[in-house]
PDB file of all heavy atoms in Angstrom:
ATOM      1  N   GLU A   1      30.651  19.047  -7.934  1.00  0.00           N
ATOM      2  CA  GLU A   1      29.819  19.961  -8.712  1.00  0.00           C
ATOM      3  C   GLU A   1      29.179  19.204  -9.866  1.00  0.00           C
ATOM      4  O   GLU A   1      29.772  18.322 -10.476  1.00  0.00           O
ATOM      5  CB  GLU A   1      30.675  21.108  -9.248  1.00  0.00           C
ATOM      6  CG  GLU A   1      31.218  22.015  -8.152  1.00  0.00           C
ATOM      7  CD  GLU A   1      31.984  23.199  -8.727  1.00  0.00           C
ATOM      8  OE1 GLU A   1      32.028  23.286  -9.967  1.00  0.00           O
ATOM      9  OE2 GLU A   1      32.499  23.992  -7.942  1.00  0.00           O
ATOM     10  N   GLY A   2      27.982  19.602 -10.194  1.00  0.00           N
ATOM     11  CA  GLY A   2      27.263  19.023 -11.319  1.00  0.00           C
ATOM     12  C   GLY A   2      26.605  17.696 -11.003  1.00  0.00           C
ATOM     13  O   GLY A   2      26.004  17.065 -11.857  1.00  0.00           O
ATOM     14  N   VAL A   3      26.724  17.230  -9.771  1.00  0.00           N
ATOM     15  CA  VAL A   3      26.091  15.971  -9.392  1.00  0.00           C
ATOM     16  C   VAL A   3      24.990  16.258  -8.398  1.00  0.00           C
ATOM     17  O   VAL A   3      25.216  16.931  -7.397  1.00  0.00           O
ATOM     18  CB  VAL A   3      27.129  15.002  -8.772  1.00  0.00           C
ATOM     19  CG1 VAL A   3      26.447  13.691  -8.398  1.00  0.00           C
ATOM     20  CG2 VAL A   3      28.271  14.757  -9.730  1.00  0.00           C
ATOM     21  N   LEU A   4      23.790  15.762  -8.669  1.00  0.00           N
ATOM     22  CA  LEU A   4      22.633  16.038  -7.826  1.00  0.00           C
ATOM     23  C   LEU A   4      22.678  15.187  -6.570  1.00  0.00           C
ATOM     24  O   LEU A   4      22.819  13.969  -6.636  1.00  0.00           O
ATOM     25  CB  LEU A   4      21.343  15.742  -8.603  1.00  0.00           C
ATOM     26  CG  LEU A   4      20.040  15.941  -7.845  1.00  0.00           C
ATOM     27  CD1 LEU A   4      19.884  17.396  -7.434  1.00  0.00           C
ATOM     28  CD2 LEU A   4      18.857  15.502  -8.701  1.00  0.00           C
ATOM     29  N   SER A   5      22.575  15.828  -5.418  1.00  0.00           N
ATOM     30  CA  SER A   5      22.568  15.111  -4.157  1.00  0.00           C
ATOM     31  C   SER A   5      21.160  15.107  -3.594  1.00  0.00           C
ATOM     32  O   SER A   5      20.508  16.144  -3.546  1.00  0.00           O
ATOM     33  CB  SER A   5      23.515  15.790  -3.162  1.00  0.00           C
ATOM     34  OG  SER A   5      23.473  15.140  -1.921  1.00  0.00           O
ATOM     35  N   MET A   6      20.680  13.959  -3.199  1.00  0.00           N
ATOM     36  CA  MET A   6      19.346  13.873  -2.649  1.00  0.00           C
ATOM     37  C   MET A   6      19.313  12.748  -1.617  1.00  0.00           C
ATOM     38  O   MET A   6      20.051  11.769  -1.730  1.00  0.00           O
ATOM     39  CB  MET A   6      18.306  13.622  -3.738  1.00  0.00           C
ATOM     40  CG  MET A   6      18.480  12.339  -4.501  1.00  0.00           C
ATOM     41  SD  MET A   6      17.249  12.128  -5.802  1.00  0.00           S
ATOM     42  CE  MET A   6      15.766  12.056  -4.818  1.00  0.00           C
ATOM     43  N   PRO A   7      18.465  12.883  -0.597  1.00  0.00           N
ATOM     44  CA  PRO A   7      18.407  11.853   0.434  1.00  0.00           C
ATOM     45  C   PRO A   7      17.806  10.565  -0.091  1.00  0.00           C
ATOM     46  O   PRO A   7      16.957  10.563  -0.961  1.00  0.00           O
ATOM     47  CB  PRO A   7      17.498  12.483   1.500  1.00  0.00           C
ATOM     48  CG  PRO A   7      16.661  13.461   0.748  1.00  0.00           C
ATOM     49  CD  PRO A   7      17.543  13.995  -0.334  1.00  0.00           C
ATOM     50  N   VAL A   8      18.305   9.460   0.436  1.00  0.00           N
ATOM     51  CA  VAL A   8      17.767   8.152   0.070  1.00  0.00           C
ATOM     52  C   VAL A   8      16.822   7.696   1.171  1.00  0.00           C
ATOM     53  O   VAL A   8      17.146   7.777   2.344  1.00  0.00           O
ATOM     54  CB  VAL A   8      18.913   7.130  -0.102  1.00  0.00           C
ATOM     55  CG1 VAL A   8      18.346   5.760  -0.469  1.00  0.00           C
ATOM     56  CG2 VAL A   8      19.888   7.606  -1.167  1.00  0.00           C
ATOM     57  N   ARG A   9      15.613   7.231   0.787  1.00  0.00           N
ATOM     58  CA  ARG A   9      14.656   6.775   1.785  1.00  0.00           C
ATOM     59  C   ARG A   9      15.189   5.557   2.521  1.00  0.00           C
ATOM     60  O   ARG A   9      15.806   4.678   1.915  1.00  0.00           O
ATOM     61  CB  ARG A   9      13.329   6.407   1.114  1.00  0.00           C
ATOM     62  CG  ARG A   9      12.583   7.590   0.526  1.00  0.00           C
ATOM     63  CD  ARG A   9      11.291   7.121  -0.091  1.00  0.00           C
ATOM     64  NE  ARG A   9      10.560   8.217  -0.693  1.00  0.00           N
ATOM     65  CZ  ARG A   9       9.405   8.067  -1.335  1.00  0.00           C
ATOM     66  NH1 ARG A   9       8.860   6.876  -1.440  1.00  0.00           N
ATOM     67  NH2 ARG A   9       8.794   9.106  -1.868  1.00  0.00           N
ATOM     68  N   PRO A  10      14.970   5.494   3.805  1.00  0.00           N
ATOM     69  CA  PRO A  10      15.426   4.319   4.566  1.00  0.00           C
ATOM     70  C   PRO A  10      14.692   3.067   4.090  1.00  0.00           C
ATOM     71  O   PRO A  10      13.530   3.112   3.703  1.00  0.00           O
ATOM     72  CB  PRO A  10      15.058   4.664   6.008  1.00  0.00           C
ATOM     73  CG  PRO A  10      13.965   5.682   5.898  1.00  0.00           C
ATOM     74  CD  PRO A  10      14.288   6.474   4.670  1.00  0.00           C
ATOM     75  N   THR A  11      15.410   1.975   4.091  1.00  0.00           N
ATOM     76  CA  THR A  11      14.834   0.708   3.658  1.00  0.00           C
ATOM     77  C   THR A  11      13.768   0.239   4.655  1.00  0.00           C
ATOM     78  O   THR A  11      13.993   0.236   5.856  1.00  0.00           O
ATOM     79  CB  THR A  11      15.922  -0.371   3.547  1.00  0.00           C
ATOM     80  OG1 THR A  11      16.919   0.079   2.629  1.00  0.00           O
ATOM     81  CG2 THR A  11      15.332  -1.679   3.057  1.00  0.00           C
ATOM     82  N   VAL A  12      12.602  -0.123   4.108  1.00  0.00           N
ATOM     83  CA  VAL A  12      11.510  -0.619   4.949  1.00  0.00           C
ATOM     84  C   VAL A  12      11.636  -2.128   5.042  1.00  0.00           C
ATOM     85  O   VAL A  12      11.801  -2.806   4.023  1.00  0.00           O
ATOM     86  CB  VAL A  12      10.142  -0.235   4.346  1.00  0.00           C
ATOM     87  CG1 VAL A  12       9.017  -0.772   5.207  1.00  0.00           C
ATOM     88  CG2 VAL A  12      10.041   1.275   4.197  1.00  0.00           C
ATOM     89  N   PRO A  13      11.580  -2.698   6.242  1.00  0.00           N
ATOM     90  CA  PRO A  13      11.679  -4.156   6.401  1.00  0.00           C
ATOM     91  C   PRO A  13      10.656  -4.880   5.539  1.00  0.00           C
ATOM     92  O   PRO A  13       9.526  -4.407   5.347  1.00  0.00           O
ATOM     93  CB  PRO A  13      11.402  -4.374   7.891  1.00  0.00           C
ATOM     94  CG  PRO A  13      11.786  -3.081   8.534  1.00  0.00           C
ATOM     95  CD  PRO A  13      11.433  -2.014   7.548  1.00  0.00           C
ATOM     96  N   LEU A  14      11.042  -6.029   5.026  1.00  0.00           N
ATOM     97  CA  LEU A  14      10.168  -6.803   4.150  1.00  0.00           C
ATOM     98  C   LEU A  14       8.852  -7.142   4.824  1.00  0.00           C
ATOM     99  O   LEU A  14       7.788  -7.068   4.202  1.00  0.00           O
ATOM    100  CB  LEU A  14      10.881  -8.092   3.715  1.00  0.00           C
ATOM    101  CG  LEU A  14      10.062  -9.043   2.826  1.00  0.00           C
ATOM    102  CD1 LEU A  14       9.652  -8.350   1.536  1.00  0.00           C
ATOM    103  CD2 LEU A  14      10.861 -10.306   2.543  1.00  0.00           C
ATOM    104  N   GLY A  15       8.913  -7.502   6.090  1.00  0.00           N
ATOM    105  CA  GLY A  15       7.680  -7.839   6.802  1.00  0.00           C
ATOM    106  C   GLY A  15       6.712  -6.678   6.840  1.00  0.00           C
ATOM    107  O   GLY A  15       5.494  -6.862   6.684  1.00  0.00           O
ATOM    108  N   ARG A  16       7.236  -5.483   7.046  1.00  0.00           N
ATOM    109  CA  ARG A  16       6.395  -4.284   7.079  1.00  0.00           C
ATOM    110  C   ARG A  16       5.769  -4.024   5.713  1.00  0.00           C
ATOM    111  O   ARG A  16       4.584  -3.682   5.620  1.00  0.00           O
ATOM    112  CB  ARG A  16       7.248  -3.083   7.505  1.00  0.00           C
ATOM    113  CG  ARG A  16       6.551  -1.727   7.460  1.00  0.00           C
ATOM    114  CD  ARG A  16       5.411  -1.650   8.442  1.00  0.00           C
ATOM    115  NE  ARG A  16       4.824  -0.316   8.457  1.00  0.00           N
ATOM    116  CZ  ARG A  16       3.705  -0.019   9.106  1.00  0.00           C
ATOM    117  NH1 ARG A  16       3.058  -0.948   9.803  1.00  0.00           N
ATOM    118  NH2 ARG A  16       3.219   1.214   9.080  1.00  0.00           N
ATOM    119  N   ARG A  17       6.533  -4.199   4.662  1.00  0.00           N
ATOM    120  CA  ARG A  17       6.016  -3.975   3.319  1.00  0.00           C
ATOM    121  C   ARG A  17       4.944  -5.013   2.961  1.00  0.00           C
ATOM    122  O   ARG A  17       3.943  -4.686   2.316  1.00  0.00           O
ATOM    123  CB  ARG A  17       7.150  -4.013   2.299  1.00  0.00           C
ATOM    124  CG  ARG A  17       8.183  -2.899   2.469  1.00  0.00           C
ATOM    125  CD  ARG A  17       9.086  -2.788   1.273  1.00  0.00           C
ATOM    126  NE  ARG A  17       8.358  -2.286   0.127  1.00  0.00           N
ATOM    127  CZ  ARG A  17       8.878  -2.233  -1.111  1.00  0.00           C
ATOM    128  NH1 ARG A  17      10.089  -2.688  -1.340  1.00  0.00           N
ATOM    129  NH2 ARG A  17       8.162  -1.755  -2.117  1.00  0.00           N
ATOM    130  N   LEU A  18       5.149  -6.256   3.383  1.00  0.00           N
ATOM    131  CA  LEU A  18       4.141  -7.288   3.134  1.00  0.00           C
ATOM    132  C   LEU A  18       2.845  -6.978   3.874  1.00  0.00           C
ATOM    133  O   LEU A  18       1.744  -7.168   3.347  1.00  0.00           O
ATOM    134  CB  LEU A  18       4.677  -8.654   3.550  1.00  0.00           C
ATOM    135  CG  LEU A  18       5.795  -9.246   2.676  1.00  0.00           C
ATOM    136  CD1 LEU A  18       6.322 -10.532   3.292  1.00  0.00           C
ATOM    137  CD2 LEU A  18       5.299  -9.480   1.252  1.00  0.00           C
ATOM    138  N   TYR A  19       2.982  -6.483   5.093  1.00  0.00           N
ATOM    139  CA  TYR A  19       1.804  -6.124   5.887  1.00  0.00           C
ATOM    140  C   TYR A  19       1.039  -4.981   5.215  1.00  0.00           C
ATOM    141  O   TYR A  19      -0.189  -5.034   5.080  1.00  0.00           O
ATOM    142  CB  TYR A  19       2.224  -5.712   7.298  1.00  0.00           C
ATOM    143  CG  TYR A  19       1.080  -5.177   8.137  1.00  0.00           C
ATOM    144  CD1 TYR A  19       0.216  -6.050   8.796  1.00  0.00           C
ATOM    145  CD2 TYR A  19       0.861  -3.804   8.244  1.00  0.00           C
ATOM    146  CE1 TYR A  19      -0.846  -5.574   9.544  1.00  0.00           C
ATOM    147  CE2 TYR A  19      -0.201  -3.312   8.993  1.00  0.00           C
ATOM    148  CZ  TYR A  19      -1.044  -4.198   9.638  1.00  0.00           C
ATOM    149  OH  TYR A  19      -2.100  -3.711  10.373  1.00  0.00           O
ATOM    150  N   LEU A  20       1.777  -3.947   4.799  1.00  0.00           N
ATOM    151  CA  LEU A  20       1.125  -2.809   4.146  1.00  0.00           C
ATOM    152  C   LEU A  20       0.489  -3.216   2.825  1.00  0.00           C
ATOM    153  O   LEU A  20      -0.587  -2.736   2.469  1.00  0.00           O
ATOM    154  CB  LEU A  20       2.150  -1.691   3.913  1.00  0.00           C
ATOM    155  CG  LEU A  20       2.624  -0.933   5.144  1.00  0.00           C
ATOM    156  CD1 LEU A  20       3.740   0.047   4.774  1.00  0.00           C
ATOM    157  CD2 LEU A  20       1.480  -0.187   5.805  1.00  0.00           C
ATOM    158  N   GLY A  21       1.162  -4.097   2.093  1.00  0.00           N
ATOM    159  CA  GLY A  21       0.587  -4.571   0.833  1.00  0.00           C
ATOM    160  C   GLY A  21      -0.707  -5.317   1.042  1.00  0.00           C
ATOM    161  O   GLY A  21      -1.691  -5.120   0.307  1.00  0.00           O
ATOM    162  N   ALA A  22      -0.729  -6.188   2.064  1.00  0.00           N
ATOM    163  CA  ALA A  22      -1.953  -6.932   2.369  1.00  0.00           C
ATOM    164  C   ALA A  22      -3.054  -5.996   2.832  1.00  0.00           C
ATOM    165  O   ALA A  22      -4.231  -6.165   2.465  1.00  0.00           O
ATOM    166  CB  ALA A  22      -1.651  -7.983   3.446  1.00  0.00           C
ATOM    167  N   GLU A  23      -2.692  -5.001   3.616  1.00  0.00           N
ATOM    168  CA  GLU A  23      -3.676  -4.025   4.093  1.00  0.00           C
ATOM    169  C   GLU A  23      -4.254  -3.233   2.936  1.00  0.00           C
ATOM    170  O   GLU A  23      -5.471  -3.009   2.849  1.00  0.00           O
ATOM    171  CB  GLU A  23      -3.010  -3.087   5.093  1.00  0.00           C
ATOM    172  CG  GLU A  23      -3.941  -2.017   5.663  1.00  0.00           C
ATOM    173  CD  GLU A  23      -3.201  -1.033   6.539  1.00  0.00           C
ATOM    174  OE1 GLU A  23      -2.961  -1.354   7.713  1.00  0.00           O
ATOM    175  OE2 GLU A  23      -2.844   0.062   6.035  1.00  0.00           O
ATOM    176  N   PHE A  24      -3.379  -2.808   2.020  1.00  0.00           N
ATOM    177  CA  PHE A  24      -3.825  -2.039   0.853  1.00  0.00           C
ATOM    178  C   PHE A  24      -4.811  -2.843   0.018  1.00  0.00           C
ATOM    179  O   PHE A  24      -5.869  -2.341  -0.383  1.00  0.00           O
ATOM    180  CB  PHE A  24      -2.616  -1.639   0.012  1.00  0.00           C
ATOM    181  CG  PHE A  24      -2.972  -0.890  -1.239  1.00  0.00           C
ATOM    182  CD1 PHE A  24      -3.163   0.483  -1.204  1.00  0.00           C
ATOM    183  CD2 PHE A  24      -3.120  -1.555  -2.456  1.00  0.00           C
ATOM    184  CE1 PHE A  24      -3.504   1.179  -2.363  1.00  0.00           C
ATOM    185  CE2 PHE A  24      -3.458  -0.865  -3.602  1.00  0.00           C
ATOM    186  CZ  PHE A  24      -3.647   0.513  -3.558  1.00  0.00           C
ATOM    187  N   LEU A  25      -4.485  -4.097  -0.252  1.00  0.00           N
ATOM    188  CA  LEU A  25      -5.366  -4.943  -1.059  1.00  0.00           C
ATOM    189  C   LEU A  25      -6.687  -5.219  -0.353  1.00  0.00           C
ATOM    190  O   LEU A  25      -7.744  -5.267  -0.993  1.00  0.00           O
ATOM    191  CB  LEU A  25      -4.664  -6.261  -1.381  1.00  0.00           C
ATOM    192  CG  LEU A  25      -3.471  -6.168  -2.337  1.00  0.00           C
ATOM    193  CD1 LEU A  25      -2.800  -7.522  -2.492  1.00  0.00           C
ATOM    194  CD2 LEU A  25      -3.903  -5.626  -3.694  1.00  0.00           C
ATOM    195  N   THR A  26      -6.630  -5.375   0.966  1.00  0.00           N
ATOM    196  CA  THR A  26      -7.853  -5.630   1.730  1.00  0.00           C
ATOM    197  C   THR A  26      -8.786  -4.429   1.695  1.00  0.00           C
ATOM    198  O   THR A  26      -9.991  -4.564   1.439  1.00  0.00           O
ATOM    199  CB  THR A  26      -7.506  -5.975   3.188  1.00  0.00           C
ATOM    200  OG1 THR A  26      -6.684  -7.145   3.225  1.00  0.00           O
ATOM    201  CG2 THR A  26      -8.781  -6.220   3.991  1.00  0.00           C
ATOM    202  N   LEU A  27      -8.227  -3.247   1.957  1.00  0.00           N
ATOM    203  CA  LEU A  27      -9.049  -2.035   2.008  1.00  0.00           C
ATOM    204  C   LEU A  27      -9.539  -1.611   0.635  1.00  0.00           C
ATOM    205  O   LEU A  27     -10.730  -1.355   0.434  1.00  0.00           O
ATOM    206  CB  LEU A  27      -8.251  -0.901   2.651  1.00  0.00           C
ATOM    207  CG  LEU A  27      -7.918  -1.050   4.136  1.00  0.00           C
ATOM    208  CD1 LEU A  27      -7.056   0.117   4.604  1.00  0.00           C
ATOM    209  CD2 LEU A  27      -9.180  -1.131   4.974  1.00  0.00           C
ATOM    210  N   HIS A  28      -8.616  -1.520  -0.317  1.00  0.00           N
ATOM    211  CA  HIS A  28      -8.959  -0.950  -1.626  1.00  0.00           C
ATOM    212  C   HIS A  28      -9.392  -1.985  -2.659  1.00  0.00           C
ATOM    213  O   HIS A  28      -9.904  -1.626  -3.718  1.00  0.00           O
ATOM    214  CB  HIS A  28      -7.777  -0.137  -2.151  1.00  0.00           C
ATOM    215  CG  HIS A  28      -7.438   1.046  -1.306  1.00  0.00           C
ATOM    216  ND1 HIS A  28      -8.253   2.156  -1.219  1.00  0.00           N
ATOM    217  CD2 HIS A  28      -6.401   1.296  -0.472  1.00  0.00           C
ATOM    218  CE1 HIS A  28      -7.718   3.038  -0.393  1.00  0.00           C
ATOM    219  NE2 HIS A  28      -6.609   2.538   0.079  1.00  0.00           N
ATOM    220  N   GLY A  29      -9.197  -3.258  -2.344  1.00  0.00           N
ATOM    221  CA  GLY A  29      -9.681  -4.311  -3.218  1.00  0.00           C
ATOM    222  C   GLY A  29     -10.870  -5.029  -2.612  1.00  0.00           C
ATOM    223  O   GLY A  29     -11.937  -5.128  -3.221  1.00  0.00           O
ATOM    224  N   GLY A  30     -10.688  -5.483  -1.372  1.00  0.00           N
ATOM    225  CA  GLY A  30     -11.759  -6.208  -0.708  1.00  0.00           C
ATOM    226  C   GLY A  30     -12.942  -5.348  -0.331  1.00  0.00           C
ATOM    227  O   GLY A  30     -14.090  -5.804  -0.370  1.00  0.00           O
ATOM    228  N   GLY A  31     -12.695  -4.095   0.030  1.00  0.00           N
ATOM    229  CA  GLY A  31     -13.778  -3.190   0.423  1.00  0.00           C
ATOM    230  C   GLY A  31     -14.836  -3.025  -0.657  1.00  0.00           C
ATOM    231  O   GLY A  31     -16.033  -3.296  -0.417  1.00  0.00           O
ATOM    232  N   PRO A  32     -14.438  -2.588  -1.868  1.00  0.00           N
ATOM    233  CA  PRO A  32     -15.430  -2.453  -2.939  1.00  0.00           C
ATOM    234  C   PRO A  32     -16.119  -3.762  -3.294  1.00  0.00           C
ATOM    235  O   PRO A  32     -17.318  -3.779  -3.599  1.00  0.00           O
ATOM    236  CB  PRO A  32     -14.596  -1.934  -4.121  1.00  0.00           C
ATOM    237  CG  PRO A  32     -13.451  -1.231  -3.484  1.00  0.00           C
ATOM    238  CD  PRO A  32     -13.135  -2.035  -2.258  1.00  0.00           C
ATOM    239  N   LEU A  33     -15.377  -4.875  -3.267  1.00  0.00           N
ATOM    240  CA  LEU A  33     -15.986  -6.169  -3.589  1.00  0.00           C
ATOM    241  C   LEU A  33     -17.027  -6.570  -2.549  1.00  0.00           C
ATOM    242  O   LEU A  33     -18.076  -7.119  -2.888  1.00  0.00           O
ATOM    243  CB  LEU A  33     -14.900  -7.240  -3.684  1.00  0.00           C
ATOM    244  CG  LEU A  33     -13.957  -7.132  -4.887  1.00  0.00           C
ATOM    245  CD1 LEU A  33     -12.880  -8.211  -4.815  1.00  0.00           C
ATOM    246  CD2 LEU A  33     -14.729  -7.228  -6.197  1.00  0.00           C
ATOM    247  N   LEU A  34     -16.755  -6.267  -1.282  1.00  0.00           N
ATOM    248  CA  LEU A  34     -17.723  -6.567  -0.222  1.00  0.00           C
ATOM    249  C   LEU A  34     -19.005  -5.772  -0.421  1.00  0.00           C
ATOM    250  O   LEU A  34     -20.112  -6.315  -0.335  1.00  0.00           O
ATOM    251  CB  LEU A  34     -17.104  -6.241   1.141  1.00  0.00           C
ATOM    252  CG  LEU A  34     -18.062  -6.323   2.353  1.00  0.00           C
ATOM    253  CD1 LEU A  34     -18.569  -7.748   2.528  1.00  0.00           C
ATOM    254  CD2 LEU A  34     -17.372  -5.824   3.613  1.00  0.00           C
ATOM    255  N   ILE A  35     -18.862  -4.486  -0.695  1.00  0.00           N
ATOM    256  CA  ILE A  35     -20.034  -3.633  -0.903  1.00  0.00           C
ATOM    257  C   ILE A  35     -20.813  -4.085  -2.129  1.00  0.00           C
ATOM    258  O   ILE A  35     -22.050  -4.109  -2.132  1.00  0.00           O
ATOM    259  CB  ILE A  35     -19.606  -2.161  -1.049  1.00  0.00           C
ATOM    260  CG1 ILE A  35     -18.993  -1.670   0.266  1.00  0.00           C
ATOM    261  CG2 ILE A  35     -20.800  -1.289  -1.430  1.00  0.00           C
ATOM    262  CD1 ILE A  35     -18.358  -0.304   0.168  1.00  0.00           C
ATOM    263  N   LEU A  36     -20.092  -4.482  -3.178  1.00  0.00           N
ATOM    264  CA  LEU A  36     -20.759  -4.949  -4.392  1.00  0.00           C
ATOM    265  C   LEU A  36     -21.516  -6.244  -4.130  1.00  0.00           C
ATOM    266  O   LEU A  36     -22.598  -6.473  -4.682  1.00  0.00           O
ATOM    267  CB  LEU A  36     -19.727  -5.159  -5.504  1.00  0.00           C
ATOM    268  CG  LEU A  36     -20.275  -5.548  -6.881  1.00  0.00           C
ATOM    269  CD1 LEU A  36     -21.243  -4.487  -7.399  1.00  0.00           C
ATOM    270  CD2 LEU A  36     -19.127  -5.750  -7.861  1.00  0.00           C
ATOM    271  N   PHE A  37     -20.968  -7.083  -3.268  1.00  0.00           N
ATOM    272  CA  PHE A  37     -21.625  -8.352  -2.941  1.00  0.00           C
ATOM    273  C   PHE A  37     -22.906  -8.108  -2.136  1.00  0.00           C
ATOM    274  O   PHE A  37     -23.943  -8.717  -2.388  1.00  0.00           O
ATOM    275  CB  PHE A  37     -20.668  -9.235  -2.146  1.00  0.00           C
ATOM    276  CG  PHE A  37     -21.273 -10.532  -1.690  1.00  0.00           C
ATOM    277  CD1 PHE A  37     -21.456 -11.583  -2.578  1.00  0.00           C
ATOM    278  CD2 PHE A  37     -21.669 -10.698  -0.369  1.00  0.00           C
ATOM    279  CE1 PHE A  37     -22.027 -12.780  -2.154  1.00  0.00           C
ATOM    280  CE2 PHE A  37     -22.238 -11.884   0.055  1.00  0.00           C
ATOM    281  CZ  PHE A  37     -22.421 -12.929  -0.839  1.00  0.00           C
ATOM    282  N   VAL A  38     -22.835  -7.187  -1.176  1.00  0.00           N
ATOM    283  CA  VAL A  38     -23.988  -6.913  -0.310  1.00  0.00           C
ATOM    284  C   VAL A  38     -25.013  -6.035  -1.020  1.00  0.00           C
ATOM    285  O   VAL A  38     -26.225  -6.227  -0.885  1.00  0.00           O
ATOM    286  CB  VAL A  38     -23.528  -6.247   1.005  1.00  0.00           C
ATOM    287  CG1 VAL A  38     -24.728  -5.900   1.876  1.00  0.00           C
ATOM    288  CG2 VAL A  38     -22.575  -7.173   1.757  1.00  0.00           C
ATOM    289  N   ARG A  39     -24.522  -5.049  -1.759  1.00  0.00           N
ATOM    290  CA  ARG A  39     -25.366  -4.113  -2.515  1.00  0.00           C
ATOM    291  C   ARG A  39     -26.391  -3.399  -1.643  1.00  0.00           C
ATOM    292  O   ARG A  39     -27.604  -3.507  -1.849  1.00  0.00           O
ATOM    293  CB  ARG A  39     -26.068  -4.831  -3.678  1.00  0.00           C
ATOM    294  CG  ARG A  39     -25.096  -5.399  -4.687  1.00  0.00           C
ATOM    295  CD  ARG A  39     -25.761  -5.788  -5.990  1.00  0.00           C
ATOM    296  NE  ARG A  39     -24.815  -6.420  -6.883  1.00  0.00           N
ATOM    297  CZ  ARG A  39     -25.056  -6.739  -8.147  1.00  0.00           C
ATOM    298  NH1 ARG A  39     -26.246  -6.489  -8.669  1.00  0.00           N
ATOM    299  NH2 ARG A  39     -24.140  -7.315  -8.885  1.00  0.00           N
ATOM    300  N   ARG A  40     -25.855  -2.650  -0.675  1.00  0.00           N
ATOM    301  CA  ARG A  40     -26.683  -1.827   0.192  1.00  0.00           C
ATOM    302  C   ARG A  40     -26.113  -0.412   0.176  1.00  0.00           C
ATOM    303  O   ARG A  40     -24.974  -0.197   0.578  1.00  0.00           O
ATOM    304  CB  ARG A  40     -26.711  -2.362   1.619  1.00  0.00           C
ATOM    305  CG  ARG A  40     -27.394  -3.710   1.785  1.00  0.00           C
ATOM    306  CD  ARG A  40     -28.906  -3.590   1.609  1.00  0.00           C
ATOM    307  NE  ARG A  40     -29.589  -4.851   1.880  1.00  0.00           N
ATOM    308  CZ  ARG A  40     -29.802  -5.792   0.983  1.00  0.00           C
ATOM    309  NH1 ARG A  40     -29.383  -5.618  -0.268  1.00  0.00           N
ATOM    310  NH2 ARG A  40     -30.426  -6.911   1.304  1.00  0.00           N
ATOM    311  N   ALA A  41     -26.914   0.546  -0.309  1.00  0.00           N
ATOM    312  CA  ALA A  41     -26.424   1.922  -0.405  1.00  0.00           C
ATOM    313  C   ALA A  41     -26.042   2.472   0.963  1.00  0.00           C
ATOM    314  O   ALA A  41     -25.063   3.211   1.096  1.00  0.00           O
ATOM    315  CB  ALA A  41     -27.490   2.810  -1.049  1.00  0.00           C
TER     316      ALA A  41
END
């Protein structure tokens, strides 16, 4: 009693996290930079 119980998220493999991190940076970092470089509406 008095202790909060909550599920713990399963651990994501390091390789998967590295892949998602690279994907995130490519899409949300590289995407805007590419459009800014080309400058076509």
